[in-house]
Protein backbone atom coordinates (compact mmCIF):
# COMPACT_ATOMS: atom_id res chain seq x y z
CA MET A 1 60.23 16.00 -18.72
CA ASP A 2 59.06 12.92 -20.58
CA SER A 3 56.60 10.43 -19.05
CA SER A 4 59.30 8.36 -17.34
CA GLN A 5 60.83 11.48 -15.79
CA HIS A 6 57.37 12.61 -14.67
CA ALA A 7 56.80 9.25 -12.97
CA SER A 8 60.22 9.24 -11.31
CA PHE A 9 59.92 12.79 -9.96
CA PHE A 10 56.35 12.21 -8.77
CA ALA A 11 57.25 8.95 -7.02
CA GLU A 12 60.07 10.62 -5.12
CA HIS A 13 58.59 14.01 -4.31
CA GLY A 14 54.83 13.40 -4.42
CA TYR A 15 54.06 16.39 -6.63
CA LEU A 16 54.66 17.61 -10.18
CA VAL A 17 54.26 21.02 -11.85
CA LEU A 18 52.83 21.27 -15.38
CA SER A 19 53.54 24.65 -16.95
CA ASP A 20 51.21 26.29 -19.47
CA LEU A 21 48.54 23.61 -19.30
CA LEU A 22 45.84 26.08 -20.40
CA ASP A 23 46.14 28.80 -23.03
CA LYS A 24 44.85 32.36 -22.66
CA SER A 25 41.53 31.54 -24.29
CA ALA A 26 40.84 28.70 -21.85
CA ILE A 27 41.77 30.90 -18.91
CA ALA A 28 39.42 33.64 -20.13
CA THR A 29 36.58 31.14 -20.56
CA SER A 30 37.22 29.87 -17.02
CA HIS A 31 36.92 33.42 -15.66
CA GLN A 32 33.65 33.95 -17.51
CA GLU A 33 32.27 30.72 -16.14
CA ILE A 34 33.30 31.57 -12.59
CA ASN A 35 31.42 34.87 -12.93
CA ARG A 36 28.35 32.99 -14.16
CA LEU A 37 28.51 30.56 -11.25
CA HIS A 38 28.71 33.46 -8.82
CA GLN A 39 25.45 34.76 -10.31
CA VAL A 40 23.88 31.35 -9.76
CA ALA A 41 25.12 31.46 -6.19
CA LEU A 42 23.65 34.95 -5.76
CA GLN A 43 20.21 33.68 -6.80
CA LEU A 44 20.47 30.85 -4.29
CA PHE A 45 21.68 33.27 -1.63
CA GLU A 46 18.74 35.62 -2.18
CA LYS A 47 16.33 32.67 -1.90
CA ASP A 48 18.07 31.50 1.29
CA GLN A 49 18.98 28.25 -0.46
CA LEU A 50 22.77 28.48 -0.40
CA ASN A 51 23.28 26.49 2.81
CA GLY A 52 23.47 22.80 2.05
CA SER A 53 24.20 23.40 -1.63
CA ASP A 54 27.47 22.85 -3.48
CA TYR A 55 28.22 26.57 -3.04
CA GLN A 56 30.08 27.30 0.22
CA LEU A 57 30.51 30.78 1.66
CA GLU A 58 33.91 31.94 2.87
CA PRO A 59 33.64 31.31 6.64
CA TYR A 60 36.02 34.08 7.72
CA ALA A 61 34.83 36.93 5.50
CA LYS A 62 33.55 40.05 7.26
CA SER A 63 30.41 39.91 5.11
CA ASP A 64 28.68 37.20 3.09
CA ARG A 65 28.49 39.58 0.11
CA ALA A 66 30.96 41.85 -1.66
CA ASP A 67 30.55 43.71 -4.96
CA ASP A 68 26.96 42.42 -5.06
CA LYS A 69 27.89 38.75 -5.12
CA PRO A 70 28.40 36.07 -2.45
CA VAL A 71 31.90 35.70 -1.03
CA LEU A 72 32.48 32.05 -1.85
CA ARG A 73 35.18 29.72 -0.56
CA LYS A 74 34.46 26.90 -3.01
CA ILE A 75 32.01 25.25 -5.37
CA GLU A 76 31.83 21.47 -5.22
CA ASN A 77 30.75 19.10 -8.01
CA THR A 78 31.49 21.62 -10.73
CA ARG A 79 30.93 18.97 -13.41
CA ARG A 80 27.22 19.09 -12.48
CA HIS A 81 27.00 22.87 -12.66
CA SER A 82 29.27 23.78 -15.56
CA LEU A 83 29.79 22.16 -18.93
CA TRP A 84 33.07 24.03 -19.23
CA PHE A 85 34.55 22.75 -15.98
CA SER A 86 33.18 19.27 -16.66
CA THR A 87 34.97 19.24 -20.01
CA LEU A 88 38.17 20.64 -18.47
CA ALA A 89 38.48 17.49 -16.35
CA SER A 90 39.15 15.61 -19.61
CA HIS A 91 41.68 18.10 -20.99
CA GLN A 92 43.84 15.79 -23.06
CA PRO A 93 47.33 17.07 -22.16
CA LEU A 94 46.41 16.71 -18.50
CA VAL A 95 44.83 13.27 -18.94
CA CYS A 96 47.95 11.98 -20.70
CA VAL A 97 50.13 12.93 -17.73
CA ILE A 98 47.70 11.41 -15.22
CA GLN A 99 47.58 8.19 -17.25
CA SER A 100 51.37 8.01 -17.19
CA LEU A 101 51.14 7.97 -13.39
CA LEU A 102 47.98 5.93 -12.73
CA GLY A 103 47.38 3.86 -15.86
CA GLU A 104 45.04 4.00 -18.84
CA ASP A 105 41.74 3.70 -16.91
CA LEU A 106 40.88 6.90 -15.05
CA LEU A 107 37.92 7.79 -12.85
CA LEU A 108 37.06 11.22 -11.44
CA PHE A 109 36.68 11.42 -7.68
CA ARG A 110 36.23 15.15 -7.29
CA SER A 111 35.66 18.32 -9.32
CA THR A 112 35.81 21.56 -7.37
CA LEU A 113 36.49 25.25 -7.72
CA MET A 114 38.61 26.51 -4.84
CA LEU A 115 38.09 30.26 -4.51
CA LYS A 116 40.27 32.58 -2.47
CA PRO A 117 38.34 35.86 -2.67
CA ALA A 118 40.15 39.17 -2.51
CA HIS A 119 40.95 40.32 1.06
CA HIS A 120 39.04 37.40 2.61
CA GLY A 121 40.49 34.15 1.23
CA SER A 122 41.03 31.81 4.16
CA ALA A 123 44.18 29.83 4.81
CA HIS A 124 44.04 26.07 4.27
CA ALA A 125 45.73 24.19 7.08
CA PHE A 126 48.23 21.48 6.27
CA HIS A 127 46.53 18.17 5.60
CA GLN A 128 46.47 15.05 3.43
CA ASP A 129 43.51 14.63 1.08
CA SER A 130 43.25 10.91 1.73
CA ALA A 131 42.60 11.56 5.43
CA TYR A 132 39.13 12.75 4.37
CA TRP A 133 38.37 10.41 1.47
CA PRO A 134 36.83 6.89 1.72
CA MET A 135 39.16 5.38 -0.86
CA ASP A 136 41.65 2.53 -0.33
CA PRO A 137 44.52 2.43 -1.07
CA PRO A 138 45.10 6.19 -0.64
CA SER A 139 46.70 6.65 -4.05
CA LEU A 140 44.64 9.29 -5.83
CA ILE A 141 46.09 12.29 -7.66
CA THR A 142 44.78 15.81 -7.09
CA VAL A 143 45.30 18.41 -9.80
CA SER A 144 45.17 22.11 -8.95
CA ILE A 145 44.98 24.38 -12.02
CA ALA A 146 45.79 28.04 -11.39
CA LEU A 147 43.34 30.38 -13.11
CA GLU A 148 45.25 33.45 -11.91
CA ASP A 149 48.91 33.73 -10.99
CA ALA A 150 49.35 31.97 -7.63
CA THR A 151 51.99 33.51 -5.37
CA PRO A 152 52.92 33.37 -1.69
CA LYS A 153 51.13 36.72 -1.26
CA ASN A 154 47.76 35.42 -2.47
CA GLY A 155 47.99 32.00 -0.87
CA CYS A 156 49.65 29.60 -3.30
CA ILE A 157 49.92 25.92 -2.43
CA LYS A 158 52.59 24.83 0.02
CA VAL A 159 53.82 21.21 0.00
CA ILE A 160 56.19 19.03 1.98
CA PRO A 161 58.05 17.07 -0.70
CA GLY A 162 58.25 13.35 -0.01
CA SER A 163 55.66 13.42 2.78
CA HIS A 164 53.38 11.10 0.77
CA GLN A 165 55.75 8.30 1.74
CA GLY A 166 54.88 8.69 5.42
CA ASP A 167 51.85 7.73 7.48
CA LEU A 168 48.30 9.01 7.05
CA HIS A 169 47.27 11.35 9.88
CA ALA A 170 44.08 12.95 11.20
CA TRP A 171 44.17 16.73 10.66
CA GLY A 172 40.88 18.39 11.64
CA HIS A 173 39.37 21.42 9.93
CA ILE A 174 41.07 22.68 6.78
CA ALA A 175 39.68 26.22 6.41
CA GLN A 176 41.38 28.54 8.89
CA ASP A 177 41.30 32.22 9.78
CA GLN A 178 43.95 34.27 8.03
CA HIS A 179 45.99 34.64 11.21
CA ALA A 180 45.70 31.04 12.42
CA PRO A 181 48.71 28.68 12.30
CA LEU A 182 48.76 26.31 9.33
CA THR A 183 48.74 23.34 11.69
CA GLU A 184 48.27 22.65 15.38
CA ARG A 185 50.06 19.31 15.17
CA ASN A 186 53.45 19.13 16.86
CA ASP A 187 54.42 15.73 15.48
CA VAL A 188 54.77 16.74 11.82
CA ASP A 189 58.04 18.19 10.58
CA LEU A 190 57.19 21.30 8.56
CA SER A 191 60.79 22.40 8.05
CA GLY A 192 60.88 21.06 4.50
CA ARG A 193 57.76 22.86 3.28
CA ILE A 194 58.04 24.86 0.09
CA ASP A 195 55.79 27.27 -1.80
CA VAL A 196 54.65 26.19 -5.26
CA PRO A 197 53.93 29.42 -7.17
CA LEU A 198 52.16 28.97 -10.49
CA LYS A 199 51.50 31.14 -13.51
CA ALA A 200 47.88 31.31 -14.64
CA GLY A 201 47.17 28.25 -16.74
CA SER A 202 49.78 26.09 -15.03
CA ALA A 203 48.99 23.28 -12.61
CA VAL A 204 50.42 21.26 -9.77
CA LEU A 205 49.63 17.56 -9.38
CA PHE A 206 50.07 15.92 -5.99
CA HIS A 207 49.60 12.54 -4.35
CA SER A 208 46.59 12.28 -2.07
CA LYS A 209 48.90 11.48 0.88
CA LEU A 210 51.13 14.50 0.30
CA VAL A 211 51.01 16.99 3.17
CA HIS A 212 49.98 20.34 1.73
CA GLY A 213 48.17 23.56 2.56
CA SER A 214 47.99 27.16 1.42
CA GLY A 215 48.21 30.62 2.87
CA ALA A 216 45.55 33.28 3.09
CA ASN A 217 44.74 35.74 0.31
CA THR A 218 44.96 39.26 1.64
CA THR A 219 45.53 40.89 -1.74
CA ASN A 220 42.93 42.96 -3.58
CA THR A 221 42.34 40.34 -6.31
CA SER A 222 40.84 36.87 -6.11
CA ARG A 223 42.82 33.69 -6.71
CA ASN A 224 40.77 30.86 -8.21
CA THR A 225 41.71 27.25 -8.80
CA ALA A 226 40.08 24.44 -10.77
CA LEU A 227 40.66 21.29 -8.77
CA TYR A 228 40.18 17.68 -9.86
CA ALA A 229 41.04 14.35 -8.25
CA TYR A 230 41.60 11.20 -10.30
CA PHE A 231 42.00 7.54 -9.42
CA SER A 232 42.43 4.12 -10.92
CA PRO A 233 39.56 1.58 -10.72
CA ASP A 234 41.97 -0.56 -8.68
CA VAL A 235 41.21 1.75 -5.76
CA GLN A 236 38.31 0.51 -3.61
CA TYR A 237 35.42 2.57 -2.28
CA ARG A 238 35.19 2.16 1.53
CA PRO A 239 32.73 4.67 3.01
CA GLY A 240 32.08 2.92 6.30
CA ALA A 241 28.74 1.90 7.75
CA ASN A 242 27.23 5.40 7.72
CA GLY A 243 28.10 6.34 4.14
CA PRO A 244 26.22 5.51 0.94
CA GLN A 245 27.06 1.93 0.02
CA ARG A 246 27.04 2.59 -3.72
CA ARG A 247 28.58 5.47 -5.61
CA THR A 248 28.92 6.21 -9.31
CA PHE A 249 32.04 7.91 -10.62
CA PRO A 250 32.54 9.56 -14.05
CA VAL A 251 34.95 7.81 -16.39
CA ILE A 252 37.62 10.16 -17.75
CA ALA A 253 39.58 7.68 -19.87
CA GLY A 254 39.65 3.99 -20.73
CA MET A 255 37.17 1.62 -19.07
CA GLN A 256 36.27 0.28 -22.54
CA GLY A 257 34.48 3.49 -23.43
CA ALA A 258 32.06 3.53 -20.47
CA THR A 259 30.93 6.96 -19.25
CA GLU A 260 30.28 5.99 -15.60
CA HIS A 261 31.47 3.33 -13.19
CA GLU A 262 29.52 2.22 -10.14
CA MET A 263 31.36 1.05 -7.05
CA VAL A 264 29.91 -0.89 -4.14
CA ALA A 265 31.36 -0.42 -0.65
CA GLY A 266 34.16 -2.90 -0.03
């Protein structure tokens, strides 16, 4: 697809697959960095400092450790912990596609590693990202880069095409036990849901109002994802009375060459 076809497909369906975004070398570097971050997490775990950090244990694992490392569900704020994953957020082929959808000026809302460990990876209940994010209008784009092949067996992303055109709902907890239903709502039509399998190095982009989730990983290998969320500076920061009233976001592109952009609660 060219940029106009990207925009048309995304507007209609709310998601877009980018094949072969990363080459084998970049995938290998990502694996090495994930191993390093697990060692950092192990040090925090042994010092009883993991709780409250950006490293989150898998809540439904039978043990907090396996193969002498913590069983992690995710690592938040990866740009603060890893030069590699910070740089990956600005991967030029990806940025060009995001700019074709959001405009030249891009800010980074989130940088995360989503980890579905072997045997223990929890299911992620259906939800909309914008239901949890203090940003208005809810028009961010999440990018999920597969670092291993993502299949229905190891819990690839499931989406409901076109659901970003509907209302924003409250969804509750996202992480679910492997045998739990992917939603307890009875007012959302799930009949149109589809799996989005990805080869390692490929990515899926989706609108922050798109209803999506993922299955559990019960296979004997982990499935890891580099996740980023981007937005235009036209989006306002609205954290409510109890949230921090100022927040600084990294600039990914444009913004007259600035590296950060501070927003005050609207």
